Amino acid sequence: MAISTIASYLPTMQEFIAHWTDVNAAIAPTVLTLKGGYTLAAFTTDRTAIETAITGVETVDNARQIASADRDLKKAAHREKLAQYRAIVGGVLPGTPYVNTLPLLPRFSANQGIFLKAMDDMANGWSRINTDTIPGFTPPMLLAGGYTLATFTTDLAALRTAYVASTNAEDNSQQQRSVRNALLGPARARMIQYRSAVKGVLPAGSPLLATIPAVTPPPGSTPAAVNASGVWNGGTLEADLTWTPSTNPNLDHYSVRTAPGPTYKAVNESVVAEVASNLTEFSTNAGLVAPGATALFKIYVVLTTANEKGSNTVSVTRPG
């Protein structure tokens, strides 16, 4: 085992703990201590802290995904209402100034400011239509299903709340990742120090010298990446992901992962599913619960040695 990804830190550190334990037993009554009085107990505590931090990332990632899905569903609903509003104003009030001031339908991926401005313009225009004296028109204007301006105003406030919740969840995710990442570098440094120090405390010929854990994978141990692709399936309302099979003899499974856009960053990725080694396809709606949403995916080849390699980035957009 060696460090190839964040997920590989815990098993690699456990190998060092096991080896360090054996070394301390071999050199008893003394113990191997690194710079600054750093002991096996301290290293074990650091591993526990990293494990807690990794679990913490998973927890906040779940919250981020839920908040993003709620925001996206509300965005999709508001785009539909704006489309209906544009249609009814154009049909009921043709030739009036209200048609000329209709807000354009924003792209689903438009930033928060652009998206909310279009909805605010809709609310303002709708309010004018309901309160102005317009020849041949009797207010209030209603959308499909008797949907009123008052209901839209309430829903728009809920959308704003969803935006705030999504932003806060994203910030929490980034902060938790910073906590986790800050622990990794020092742990790696301690493992490198250990590999050197242990050679100085063990006598020549000790079998423990032949089993010192590795920090980095040996050359050629990282698997080749697979080539992945994905399309939106309108029948199942999921993204169909497919990839070329790995020919690595040590293949254990595939890991389907996603990361928030617009650019895929491994440090921000989360696992969608683990797929058996005999399969080369997987379907998911992760990040795609609302029309117009775009999600980024990678397929990782994971070996029995825990070494892994990610595919090309696959972008799938759900039609709006």
C-alpha atoms as a PDB file:
ATOM      1  CA  MET A   1       0.000   0.000   0.000  1.00  0.00           C
ATOM      2  CA  ALA A   2       1.138   3.582  -0.600  1.00  0.00           C
ATOM      3  CA  ILE A   3      -0.337   7.054  -0.876  1.00  0.00           C
ATOM      4  CA  SER A   4      -1.948   7.635  -4.246  1.00  0.00           C
ATOM      5  CA  THR A   5      -5.132   9.464  -3.232  1.00  0.00           C
ATOM      6  CA  ILE A   6      -6.720  10.929  -0.132  1.00  0.00           C
ATOM      7  CA  ALA A   7      -8.572   7.666   0.438  1.00  0.00           C
ATOM      8  CA  SER A   8      -5.256   5.782   0.565  1.00  0.00           C
ATOM      9  CA  TYR A   9      -3.961   7.737   3.569  1.00  0.00           C
ATOM     10  CA  LEU A  10      -5.827   5.702   6.180  1.00  0.00           C
ATOM     11  CA  PRO A  11      -4.744   2.190   5.078  1.00  0.00           C
ATOM     12  CA  THR A  12      -1.194   3.392   4.450  1.00  0.00           C
ATOM     13  CA  MET A  13      -0.981   4.975   7.885  1.00  0.00           C
ATOM     14  CA  GLN A  14      -2.348   1.774   9.401  1.00  0.00           C
ATOM     15  CA  GLU A  15       0.508  -0.156   7.782  1.00  0.00           C
ATOM     16  CA  PHE A  16       2.965   2.254   9.389  1.00  0.00           C
ATOM     17  CA  ILE A  17       1.252   1.841  12.759  1.00  0.00           C
ATOM     18  CA  ALA A  18       1.538  -1.947  12.525  1.00  0.00           C
ATOM     19  CA  HIS A  19       5.199  -1.761  11.502  1.00  0.00           C
ATOM     20  CA  TRP A  20       6.035   0.849  14.149  1.00  0.00           C
ATOM     21  CA  THR A  21       4.420  -1.394  16.779  1.00  0.00           C
ATOM     22  CA  ASP A  22       6.608  -4.298  15.711  1.00  0.00           C
ATOM     23  CA  VAL A  23       9.715  -2.113  15.727  1.00  0.00           C
ATOM     24  CA  ASN A  24       9.008  -0.876  19.258  1.00  0.00           C
ATOM     25  CA  ALA A  25       8.607  -4.467  20.379  1.00  0.00           C
ATOM     26  CA  ALA A  26      11.920  -5.388  18.732  1.00  0.00           C
ATOM     27  CA  ILE A  27      13.891  -2.578  20.364  1.00  0.00           C
ATOM     28  CA  ALA A  28      12.170  -2.689  23.780  1.00  0.00           C
ATOM     29  CA  PRO A  29      12.534  -1.290  26.362  1.00  0.00           C
ATOM     30  CA  THR A  30      13.226   1.761  24.152  1.00  0.00           C
ATOM     31  CA  VAL A  31      10.797   3.082  21.524  1.00  0.00           C
ATOM     32  CA  LEU A  32      11.296   4.756  18.174  1.00  0.00           C
ATOM     33  CA  THR A  33      10.730   8.482  18.551  1.00  0.00           C
ATOM     34  CA  LEU A  34      10.854  10.999  15.702  1.00  0.00           C
ATOM     35  CA  LYS A  35      11.785  14.676  15.753  1.00  0.00           C
ATOM     36  CA  GLY A  36      10.079  16.689  18.464  1.00  0.00           C
ATOM     37  CA  GLY A  37       9.355  13.662  20.622  1.00  0.00           C
ATOM     38  CA  TYR A  38       6.863  12.354  18.103  1.00  0.00           C
ATOM     39  CA  THR A  39       5.789   8.817  19.050  1.00  0.00           C
ATOM     40  CA  LEU A  40       3.670   6.001  17.723  1.00  0.00           C
ATOM     41  CA  ALA A  41       0.860   7.185  19.987  1.00  0.00           C
ATOM     42  CA  ALA A  42       0.997  10.649  18.387  1.00  0.00           C
ATOM     43  CA  PHE A  43       0.956   9.137  14.909  1.00  0.00           C
ATOM     44  CA  THR A  44      -2.048   6.988  15.844  1.00  0.00           C
ATOM     45  CA  THR A  45      -3.836  10.079  17.146  1.00  0.00           C
ATOM     46  CA  ASP A  46      -3.092  11.883  13.882  1.00  0.00           C
ATOM     47  CA  ARG A  47      -4.560   8.997  11.897  1.00  0.00           C
ATOM     48  CA  THR A  48      -7.734   9.177  13.955  1.00  0.00           C
ATOM     49  CA  ALA A  49      -7.945  12.916  13.303  1.00  0.00           C
ATOM     50  CA  ILE A  50      -7.597  12.345   9.550  1.00  0.00           C
ATOM     51  CA  GLU A  51     -10.263   9.638   9.648  1.00  0.00           C
ATOM     52  CA  THR A  52     -12.602  12.024  11.479  1.00  0.00           C
ATOM     53  CA  ALA A  53     -11.860  14.773   8.965  1.00  0.00           C
ATOM     54  CA  ILE A  54     -12.516  12.487   5.983  1.00  0.00           C
ATOM     55  CA  THR A  55     -15.834  11.432   7.510  1.00  0.00           C
ATOM     56  CA  GLY A  56     -16.597  15.097   8.120  1.00  0.00           C
ATOM     57  CA  VAL A  57     -16.101  15.849   4.428  1.00  0.00           C
ATOM     58  CA  GLU A  58     -18.546  13.088   3.514  1.00  0.00           C
ATOM     59  CA  THR A  59     -21.125  14.535   5.917  1.00  0.00           C
ATOM     60  CA  VAL A  60     -20.912  18.104   4.620  1.00  0.00           C
ATOM     61  CA  ASP A  61     -20.825  16.829   1.031  1.00  0.00           C
ATOM     62  CA  ASN A  62     -24.167  15.121   1.587  1.00  0.00           C
ATOM     63  CA  ALA A  63     -25.561  18.371   2.959  1.00  0.00           C
ATOM     64  CA  ARG A  64     -24.140  20.289  -0.017  1.00  0.00           C
ATOM     65  CA  GLN A  65     -25.695  17.892  -2.505  1.00  0.00           C
ATOM     66  CA  ILE A  66     -29.094  18.103  -0.803  1.00  0.00           C
ATOM     67  CA  ALA A  67     -28.962  21.903  -0.700  1.00  0.00           C
ATOM     68  CA  SER A  68     -27.879  22.100  -4.347  1.00  0.00           C
ATOM     69  CA  ALA A  69     -30.661  19.753  -5.417  1.00  0.00           C
ATOM     70  CA  ASP A  70     -33.267  21.821  -3.557  1.00  0.00           C
ATOM     71  CA  ARG A  71     -31.969  25.021  -5.157  1.00  0.00           C
ATOM     72  CA  ASP A  72     -31.954  23.472  -8.623  1.00  0.00           C
ATOM     73  CA  LEU A  73     -35.505  22.135  -8.307  1.00  0.00           C
ATOM     74  CA  LYS A  74     -36.703  25.584  -7.280  1.00  0.00           C
ATOM     75  CA  LYS A  75     -34.790  27.193 -10.161  1.00  0.00           C
ATOM     76  CA  ALA A  76     -36.408  24.835 -12.648  1.00  0.00           C
ATOM     77  CA  ALA A  77     -39.871  25.587 -11.257  1.00  0.00           C
ATOM     78  CA  HIS A  78     -39.264  29.336 -11.501  1.00  0.00           C
ATOM     79  CA  ARG A  79     -38.050  29.087 -15.089  1.00  0.00           C
ATOM     80  CA  GLU A  80     -41.262  27.256 -15.941  1.00  0.00           C
ATOM     81  CA  LYS A  81     -43.344  29.980 -14.287  1.00  0.00           C
ATOM     82  CA  LEU A  82     -41.455  32.693 -16.153  1.00  0.00           C
ATOM     83  CA  ALA A  83     -42.036  30.868 -19.442  1.00  0.00           C
ATOM     84  CA  GLN A  84     -45.758  30.701 -18.648  1.00  0.00           C
ATOM     85  CA  TYR A  85     -45.787  34.357 -17.665  1.00  0.00           C
ATOM     86  CA  ARG A  86     -44.118  35.398 -20.891  1.00  0.00           C
ATOM     87  CA  ALA A  87     -46.637  33.349 -22.872  1.00  0.00           C
ATOM     88  CA  ILE A  88     -49.757  34.684 -21.173  1.00  0.00           C
ATOM     89  CA  VAL A  89     -48.650  38.321 -21.310  1.00  0.00           C
ATOM     90  CA  GLY A  90     -47.837  37.982 -24.979  1.00  0.00           C
ATOM     91  CA  GLY A  91     -51.190  36.348 -25.641  1.00  0.00           C
ATOM     92  CA  VAL A  92     -53.470  38.437 -23.440  1.00  0.00           C
ATOM     93  CA  LEU A  93     -51.780  41.838 -23.674  1.00  0.00           C
ATOM     94  CA  PRO A  94     -50.313  42.032 -27.198  1.00  0.00           C
ATOM     95  CA  GLY A  95     -49.220  45.458 -28.347  1.00  0.00           C
ATOM     96  CA  THR A  96     -48.901  46.798 -24.809  1.00  0.00           C
ATOM     97  CA  PRO A  97     -45.778  48.060 -23.043  1.00  0.00           C
ATOM     98  CA  TYR A  98     -45.934  45.028 -20.767  1.00  0.00           C
ATOM     99  CA  VAL A  99     -44.879  42.789 -23.659  1.00  0.00           C
ATOM    100  CA  ASN A 100     -41.899  44.979 -24.458  1.00  0.00           C
ATOM    101  CA  THR A 101     -40.621  44.783 -20.883  1.00  0.00           C
ATOM    102  CA  LEU A 102     -40.911  41.029 -20.427  1.00  0.00           C
ATOM    103  CA  PRO A 103     -37.747  39.578 -18.834  1.00  0.00           C
ATOM    104  CA  LEU A 104     -35.835  37.083 -20.916  1.00  0.00           C
ATOM    105  CA  LEU A 105     -35.787  33.463 -19.768  1.00  0.00           C
ATOM    106  CA  PRO A 106     -32.373  33.031 -18.078  1.00  0.00           C
ATOM    107  CA  ARG A 107     -30.223  30.004 -18.748  1.00  0.00           C
ATOM    108  CA  PHE A 108     -30.465  27.427 -16.000  1.00  0.00           C
ATOM    109  CA  SER A 109     -26.723  27.829 -15.424  1.00  0.00           C
ATOM    110  CA  ALA A 110     -26.958  31.631 -15.162  1.00  0.00           C
ATOM    111  CA  ASN A 111     -25.417  33.036 -11.996  1.00  0.00           C
ATOM    112  CA  GLN A 112     -27.563  33.898  -9.020  1.00  0.00           C
ATOM    113  CA  GLY A 113     -27.700  37.621  -9.762  1.00  0.00           C
ATOM    114  CA  ILE A 114     -28.893  37.189 -13.359  1.00  0.00           C
ATOM    115  CA  PHE A 115     -31.369  34.464 -12.450  1.00  0.00           C
ATOM    116  CA  LEU A 116     -32.968  36.342  -9.564  1.00  0.00           C
ATOM    117  CA  LYS A 117     -33.114  39.619 -11.505  1.00  0.00           C
ATOM    118  CA  ALA A 118     -35.259  37.948 -14.154  1.00  0.00           C
ATOM    119  CA  MET A 119     -37.602  36.670 -11.443  1.00  0.00           C
ATOM    120  CA  ASP A 120     -37.723  40.071  -9.734  1.00  0.00           C
ATOM    121  CA  ASP A 121     -38.554  41.707 -13.074  1.00  0.00           C
ATOM    122  CA  MET A 122     -41.344  39.175 -13.534  1.00  0.00           C
ATOM    123  CA  ALA A 123     -42.738  39.926 -10.077  1.00  0.00           C
ATOM    124  CA  ASN A 124     -42.583  43.686 -10.689  1.00  0.00           C
ATOM    125  CA  GLY A 125     -44.210  43.443 -14.107  1.00  0.00           C
ATOM    126  CA  TRP A 126     -46.914  41.113 -12.808  1.00  0.00           C
ATOM    127  CA  SER A 127     -47.655  43.533  -9.966  1.00  0.00           C
ATOM    128  CA  ARG A 128     -48.049  46.404 -12.445  1.00  0.00           C
ATOM    129  CA  ILE A 129     -50.380  44.352 -14.614  1.00  0.00           C
ATOM    130  CA  ASN A 130     -52.555  43.519 -11.607  1.00  0.00           C
ATOM    131  CA  THR A 131     -52.749  47.133 -10.383  1.00  0.00           C
ATOM    132  CA  ASP A 132     -52.741  49.193 -13.605  1.00  0.00           C
ATOM    133  CA  THR A 133     -55.913  50.037 -15.504  1.00  0.00           C
ATOM    134  CA  ILE A 134     -55.594  48.142 -18.778  1.00  0.00           C
ATOM    135  CA  PRO A 135     -58.413  48.442 -21.348  1.00  0.00           C
ATOM    136  CA  GLY A 136     -59.970  45.071 -22.119  1.00  0.00           C
ATOM    137  CA  PHE A 137     -58.235  43.260 -19.246  1.00  0.00           C
ATOM    138  CA  THR A 138     -59.627  42.373 -15.847  1.00  0.00           C
ATOM    139  CA  PRO A 139     -57.002  41.603 -13.189  1.00  0.00           C
ATOM    140  CA  PRO A 140     -55.588  39.666 -11.527  1.00  0.00           C
ATOM    141  CA  MET A 141     -53.505  37.749 -14.029  1.00  0.00           C
ATOM    142  CA  LEU A 142     -53.256  34.073 -13.192  1.00  0.00           C
ATOM    143  CA  LEU A 143     -50.908  31.419 -14.527  1.00  0.00           C
ATOM    144  CA  ALA A 144     -51.730  27.755 -15.139  1.00  0.00           C
ATOM    145  CA  GLY A 145     -53.613  26.116 -12.293  1.00  0.00           C
ATOM    146  CA  GLY A 146     -54.715  29.448 -10.816  1.00  0.00           C
ATOM    147  CA  TYR A 147     -51.158  30.290  -9.782  1.00  0.00           C
ATOM    148  CA  THR A 148     -51.133  33.793  -8.302  1.00  0.00           C
ATOM    149  CA  LEU A 149     -48.634  36.595  -7.876  1.00  0.00           C
ATOM    150  CA  ALA A 150     -48.842  36.127  -4.104  1.00  0.00           C
ATOM    151  CA  THR A 151     -47.813  32.490  -4.451  1.00  0.00           C
ATOM    152  CA  PHE A 152     -45.000  33.447  -6.790  1.00  0.00           C
ATOM    153  CA  THR A 153     -43.757  36.024  -4.283  1.00  0.00           C
ATOM    154  CA  THR A 154     -43.679  33.360  -1.581  1.00  0.00           C
ATOM    155  CA  ASP A 155     -41.914  30.904  -3.873  1.00  0.00           C
ATOM    156  CA  LEU A 156     -39.372  33.532  -4.897  1.00  0.00           C
ATOM    157  CA  ALA A 157     -38.504  34.142  -1.252  1.00  0.00           C
ATOM    158  CA  ALA A 158     -38.025  30.377  -0.860  1.00  0.00           C
ATOM    159  CA  LEU A 159     -35.686  30.367  -3.866  1.00  0.00           C
ATOM    160  CA  ARG A 160     -33.591  33.088  -2.276  1.00  0.00           C
ATOM    161  CA  THR A 161     -33.417  31.052   0.912  1.00  0.00           C
ATOM    162  CA  ALA A 162     -32.361  28.004  -1.114  1.00  0.00           C
ATOM    163  CA  TYR A 163     -29.573  30.008  -2.747  1.00  0.00           C
ATOM    164  CA  VAL A 164     -28.285  31.063   0.674  1.00  0.00           C
ATOM    165  CA  ALA A 165     -28.485  27.504   2.001  1.00  0.00           C
ATOM    166  CA  SER A 166     -26.627  26.158  -1.025  1.00  0.00           C
ATOM    167  CA  THR A 167     -23.895  28.778  -0.713  1.00  0.00           C
ATOM    168  CA  ASN A 168     -23.497  28.078   3.003  1.00  0.00           C
ATOM    169  CA  ALA A 169     -23.336  24.333   2.360  1.00  0.00           C
ATOM    170  CA  GLU A 170     -20.679  24.864  -0.308  1.00  0.00           C
ATOM    171  CA  ASP A 171     -18.643  27.020   2.086  1.00  0.00           C
ATOM    172  CA  ASN A 172     -18.937  24.372   4.802  1.00  0.00           C
ATOM    173  CA  SER A 173     -17.736  21.768   2.343  1.00  0.00           C
ATOM    174  CA  GLN A 174     -14.703  23.834   1.378  1.00  0.00           C
ATOM    175  CA  GLN A 175     -13.858  24.581   5.008  1.00  0.00           C
ATOM    176  CA  GLN A 176     -14.061  20.914   5.998  1.00  0.00           C
ATOM    177  CA  ARG A 177     -11.824  20.017   3.065  1.00  0.00           C
ATOM    178  CA  SER A 178      -9.318  22.605   4.242  1.00  0.00           C
ATOM    179  CA  VAL A 179      -9.318  21.003   7.692  1.00  0.00           C
ATOM    180  CA  ARG A 180      -8.752  17.575   6.161  1.00  0.00           C
ATOM    181  CA  ASN A 181      -6.078  18.698   3.722  1.00  0.00           C
ATOM    182  CA  ALA A 182      -4.129  20.516   6.426  1.00  0.00           C
ATOM    183  CA  LEU A 183      -3.660  17.193   8.233  1.00  0.00           C
ATOM    184  CA  LEU A 184      -2.385  15.223   5.250  1.00  0.00           C
ATOM    185  CA  GLY A 185       0.931  16.953   4.597  1.00  0.00           C
ATOM    186  CA  PRO A 186       2.299  16.577   8.143  1.00  0.00           C
ATOM    187  CA  ALA A 187       1.225  12.915   8.251  1.00  0.00           C
ATOM    188  CA  ARG A 188       3.041  12.208   4.995  1.00  0.00           C
ATOM    189  CA  ALA A 189       6.142  13.963   6.305  1.00  0.00           C
ATOM    190  CA  ARG A 190       6.104  11.796   9.430  1.00  0.00           C
ATOM    191  CA  MET A 191       5.915   8.626   7.343  1.00  0.00           C
ATOM    192  CA  ILE A 192       8.929   9.746   5.314  1.00  0.00           C
ATOM    193  CA  GLN A 193      10.809  10.501   8.549  1.00  0.00           C
ATOM    194  CA  TYR A 194       9.893   7.092   9.917  1.00  0.00           C
ATOM    195  CA  ARG A 195      11.232   5.257   6.881  1.00  0.00           C
ATOM    196  CA  SER A 196      14.606   6.891   7.461  1.00  0.00           C
ATOM    197  CA  ALA A 197      14.692   6.672  11.256  1.00  0.00           C
ATOM    198  CA  VAL A 198      13.734   3.014  11.451  1.00  0.00           C
ATOM    199  CA  LYS A 199      16.832   2.037   9.491  1.00  0.00           C
ATOM    200  CA  GLY A 200      18.933   3.572  12.228  1.00  0.00           C
ATOM    201  CA  VAL A 201      17.416   1.737  15.165  1.00  0.00           C
ATOM    202  CA  LEU A 202      17.172  -1.775  13.725  1.00  0.00           C
ATOM    203  CA  PRO A 203      20.196  -4.055  13.515  1.00  0.00           C
ATOM    204  CA  ALA A 204      21.415  -5.195  10.124  1.00  0.00           C
ATOM    205  CA  GLY A 205      19.580  -8.293   8.993  1.00  0.00           C
ATOM    206  CA  SER A 206      16.397  -7.514  10.899  1.00  0.00           C
ATOM    207  CA  PRO A 207      13.418  -8.848   8.914  1.00  0.00           C
ATOM    208  CA  LEU A 208      11.588  -5.625   9.718  1.00  0.00           C
ATOM    209  CA  LEU A 209      13.964  -3.746   7.404  1.00  0.00           C
ATOM    210  CA  ALA A 210      12.504  -5.645   4.460  1.00  0.00           C
ATOM    211  CA  THR A 211       8.915  -4.732   5.311  1.00  0.00           C
ATOM    212  CA  ILE A 212       9.109  -0.971   5.846  1.00  0.00           C
ATOM    213  CA  PRO A 213       5.888   0.447   4.365  1.00  0.00           C
ATOM    214  CA  ALA A 214       6.100   2.582   1.233  1.00  0.00           C
ATOM    215  CA  VAL A 215       4.927   6.184   1.041  1.00  0.00           C
ATOM    216  CA  THR A 216       4.701   6.440  -2.741  1.00  0.00           C
ATOM    217  CA  PRO A 217       3.552   3.763  -5.200  1.00  0.00           C
ATOM    218  CA  PRO A 218       6.340   1.968  -7.060  1.00  0.00           C
ATOM    219  CA  PRO A 219       6.821   2.831 -10.760  1.00  0.00           C
ATOM    220  CA  GLY A 220       4.178   1.276 -12.956  1.00  0.00           C
ATOM    221  CA  SER A 221       1.754   0.583 -10.112  1.00  0.00           C
ATOM    222  CA  THR A 222      -0.678   3.311 -11.097  1.00  0.00           C
ATOM    223  CA  PRO A 223      -3.285   1.854 -13.473  1.00  0.00           C
ATOM    224  CA  ALA A 224      -4.068   3.239 -16.892  1.00  0.00           C
ATOM    225  CA  ALA A 225      -7.159   5.415 -17.052  1.00  0.00           C
ATOM    226  CA  VAL A 226     -10.285   4.288 -18.846  1.00  0.00           C
ATOM    227  CA  ASN A 227     -12.035   6.406 -21.453  1.00  0.00           C
ATOM    228  CA  ALA A 228     -15.485   7.478 -20.278  1.00  0.00           C
ATOM    229  CA  SER A 229     -18.532   9.065 -21.891  1.00  0.00           C
ATOM    230  CA  GLY A 230     -22.025   9.985 -20.801  1.00  0.00           C
ATOM    231  CA  VAL A 231     -25.408  10.943 -22.229  1.00  0.00           C
ATOM    232  CA  TRP A 232     -28.716  12.042 -20.773  1.00  0.00           C
ATOM    233  CA  ASN A 233     -31.451   9.405 -20.914  1.00  0.00           C
ATOM    234  CA  GLY A 234     -34.815  11.112 -21.240  1.00  0.00           C
ATOM    235  CA  GLY A 235     -36.650   7.857 -20.568  1.00  0.00           C
ATOM    236  CA  THR A 236     -35.077   7.088 -17.204  1.00  0.00           C
ATOM    237  CA  LEU A 237     -34.249  10.717 -16.332  1.00  0.00           C
ATOM    238  CA  GLU A 238     -30.683   9.727 -15.528  1.00  0.00           C
ATOM    239  CA  ALA A 239     -27.221  10.125 -16.992  1.00  0.00           C
ATOM    240  CA  ASP A 240     -25.989   6.922 -18.636  1.00  0.00           C
ATOM    241  CA  LEU A 241     -22.233   6.655 -18.050  1.00  0.00           C
ATOM    242  CA  THR A 242     -20.118   4.141 -19.941  1.00  0.00           C
ATOM    243  CA  TRP A 243     -16.391   3.451 -20.089  1.00  0.00           C
ATOM    244  CA  THR A 244     -13.833   1.212 -21.726  1.00  0.00           C
ATOM    245  CA  PRO A 245     -12.894  -1.811 -19.597  1.00  0.00           C
ATOM    246  CA  SER A 246      -9.642  -1.779 -17.661  1.00  0.00           C
ATOM    247  CA  THR A 247      -7.247  -4.564 -18.585  1.00  0.00           C
ATOM    248  CA  ASN A 248      -5.227  -4.279 -15.369  1.00  0.00           C
ATOM    249  CA  PRO A 249      -4.914  -7.740 -13.771  1.00  0.00           C
ATOM    250  CA  ASN A 250      -5.223  -6.181 -10.319  1.00  0.00           C
ATOM    251  CA  LEU A 251      -8.524  -4.437 -11.031  1.00  0.00           C
ATOM    252  CA  ASP A 252     -10.750  -4.486  -7.943  1.00  0.00           C
ATOM    253  CA  HIS A 253     -13.633  -2.189  -8.914  1.00  0.00           C
ATOM    254  CA  TYR A 254     -14.586   1.084 -10.558  1.00  0.00           C
ATOM    255  CA  SER A 255     -15.489   4.200  -8.608  1.00  0.00           C
ATOM    256  CA  VAL A 256     -17.957   6.698 -10.085  1.00  0.00           C
ATOM    257  CA  ARG A 257     -17.297  10.171  -8.704  1.00  0.00           C
ATOM    258  CA  THR A 258     -18.638  13.670  -9.205  1.00  0.00           C
ATOM    259  CA  ALA A 259     -17.424  17.163  -8.387  1.00  0.00           C
ATOM    260  CA  PRO A 260     -19.189  20.531  -8.536  1.00  0.00           C
ATOM    261  CA  GLY A 261     -18.434  22.559 -11.650  1.00  0.00           C
ATOM    262  CA  PRO A 262     -17.557  24.394 -13.661  1.00  0.00           C
ATOM    263  CA  THR A 263     -14.174  22.607 -13.509  1.00  0.00           C
ATOM    264  CA  TYR A 264     -13.673  19.117 -12.117  1.00  0.00           C
ATOM    265  CA  LYS A 265     -11.275  19.201  -9.164  1.00  0.00           C
ATOM    266  CA  ALA A 266     -10.335  15.931  -7.509  1.00  0.00           C
ATOM    267  CA  VAL A 267     -10.010  17.620  -4.130  1.00  0.00           C
ATOM    268  CA  ASN A 268     -13.746  18.446  -4.300  1.00  0.00           C
ATOM    269  CA  GLU A 269     -15.001  15.120  -5.617  1.00  0.00           C
ATOM    270  CA  SER A 270     -17.354  12.742  -3.853  1.00  0.00           C
ATOM    271  CA  VAL A 271     -18.178   9.108  -4.554  1.00  0.00           C
ATOM    272  CA  VAL A 272     -21.467   8.403  -6.338  1.00  0.00           C
ATOM    273  CA  ALA A 273     -21.133   4.609  -6.425  1.00  0.00           C
ATOM    274  CA  GLU A 274     -18.692   1.715  -6.475  1.00  0.00           C
ATOM    275  CA  VAL A 275     -19.182  -0.515  -9.530  1.00  0.00           C
ATOM    276  CA  ALA A 276     -18.136  -4.161  -9.876  1.00  0.00           C
ATOM    277  CA  SER A 277     -15.110  -4.887 -12.036  1.00  0.00           C
ATOM    278  CA  ASN A 278     -17.157  -6.814 -14.608  1.00  0.00           C
ATOM    279  CA  LEU A 279     -19.387  -3.809 -15.387  1.00  0.00           C
ATOM    280  CA  THR A 280     -18.636  -0.820 -17.590  1.00  0.00           C
ATOM    281  CA  GLU A 281     -21.769   1.262 -17.234  1.00  0.00           C
ATOM    282  CA  PHE A 282     -23.714   3.087 -14.553  1.00  0.00           C
ATOM    283  CA  SER A 283     -26.735   5.396 -14.493  1.00  0.00           C
ATOM    284  CA  THR A 284     -27.311   8.211 -12.013  1.00  0.00           C
ATOM    285  CA  ASN A 285     -29.169  11.479 -11.535  1.00  0.00           C
ATOM    286  CA  ALA A 286     -26.542  12.880  -9.157  1.00  0.00           C
ATOM    287  CA  GLY A 287     -26.433  16.632  -9.707  1.00  0.00           C
ATOM    288  CA  LEU A 288     -29.116  16.336 -12.386  1.00  0.00           C
ATOM    289  CA  VAL A 289     -32.389  16.476 -10.477  1.00  0.00           C
ATOM    290  CA  ALA A 290     -33.586  19.604 -12.280  1.00  0.00           C
ATOM    291  CA  PRO A 291     -33.962  20.415 -15.995  1.00  0.00           C
ATOM    292  CA  GLY A 292     -31.028  22.479 -17.232  1.00  0.00           C
ATOM    293  CA  ALA A 293     -28.564  21.147 -14.638  1.00  0.00           C
ATOM    294  CA  THR A 294     -25.069  20.020 -15.618  1.00  0.00           C
ATOM    295  CA  ALA A 295     -22.998  17.459 -13.697  1.00  0.00           C
ATOM    296  CA  LEU A 296     -19.359  16.413 -14.040  1.00  0.00           C
ATOM    297  CA  PHE A 297     -18.196  12.824 -13.547  1.00  0.00           C
ATOM    298  CA  LYS A 298     -15.039  10.715 -13.596  1.00  0.00           C
ATOM    299  CA  ILE A 299     -14.653   6.949 -13.549  1.00  0.00           C
ATOM    300  CA  TYR A 300     -11.776   5.692 -11.419  1.00  0.00           C
ATOM    301  CA  VAL A 301      -9.974   2.389 -11.912  1.00  0.00           C
ATOM    302  CA  VAL A 302      -9.297   1.060  -8.393  1.00  0.00           C
ATOM    303  CA  LEU A 303      -6.831  -1.806  -7.937  1.00  0.00           C
ATOM    304  CA  THR A 304      -6.618  -4.414  -5.198  1.00  0.00           C
ATOM    305  CA  THR A 305      -3.560  -2.471  -4.026  1.00  0.00           C
ATOM    306  CA  ALA A 306      -5.813   0.620  -3.649  1.00  0.00           C
ATOM    307  CA  ASN A 307      -3.885   2.462  -6.373  1.00  0.00           C
ATOM    308  CA  GLU A 308      -6.252   4.277  -8.686  1.00  0.00           C
ATOM    309  CA  LYS A 309      -6.533   6.513 -11.716  1.00  0.00           C
ATOM    310  CA  GLY A 310      -9.355   8.756 -12.890  1.00  0.00           C
ATOM    311  CA  SER A 311     -10.768   8.933 -16.393  1.00  0.00           C
ATOM    312  CA  ASN A 312     -11.376  11.965 -18.528  1.00  0.00           C
ATOM    313  CA  THR A 313     -14.038  14.345 -17.222  1.00  0.00           C
ATOM    314  CA  VAL A 314     -17.544  13.588 -18.473  1.00  0.00           C
ATOM    315  CA  SER A 315     -20.072  16.419 -18.608  1.00  0.00           C
ATOM    316  CA  VAL A 316     -23.777  15.600 -18.819  1.00  0.00           C
ATOM    317  CA  THR A 317     -26.522  18.204 -19.103  1.00  0.00           C
ATOM    318  CA  ARG A 318     -30.187  17.515 -18.440  1.00  0.00           C
ATOM    319  CA  PRO A 319     -32.235  19.296 -21.116  1.00  0.00           C
ATOM    320  CA  GLY A 320     -34.065  22.313 -19.784  1.00  0.00           C
END
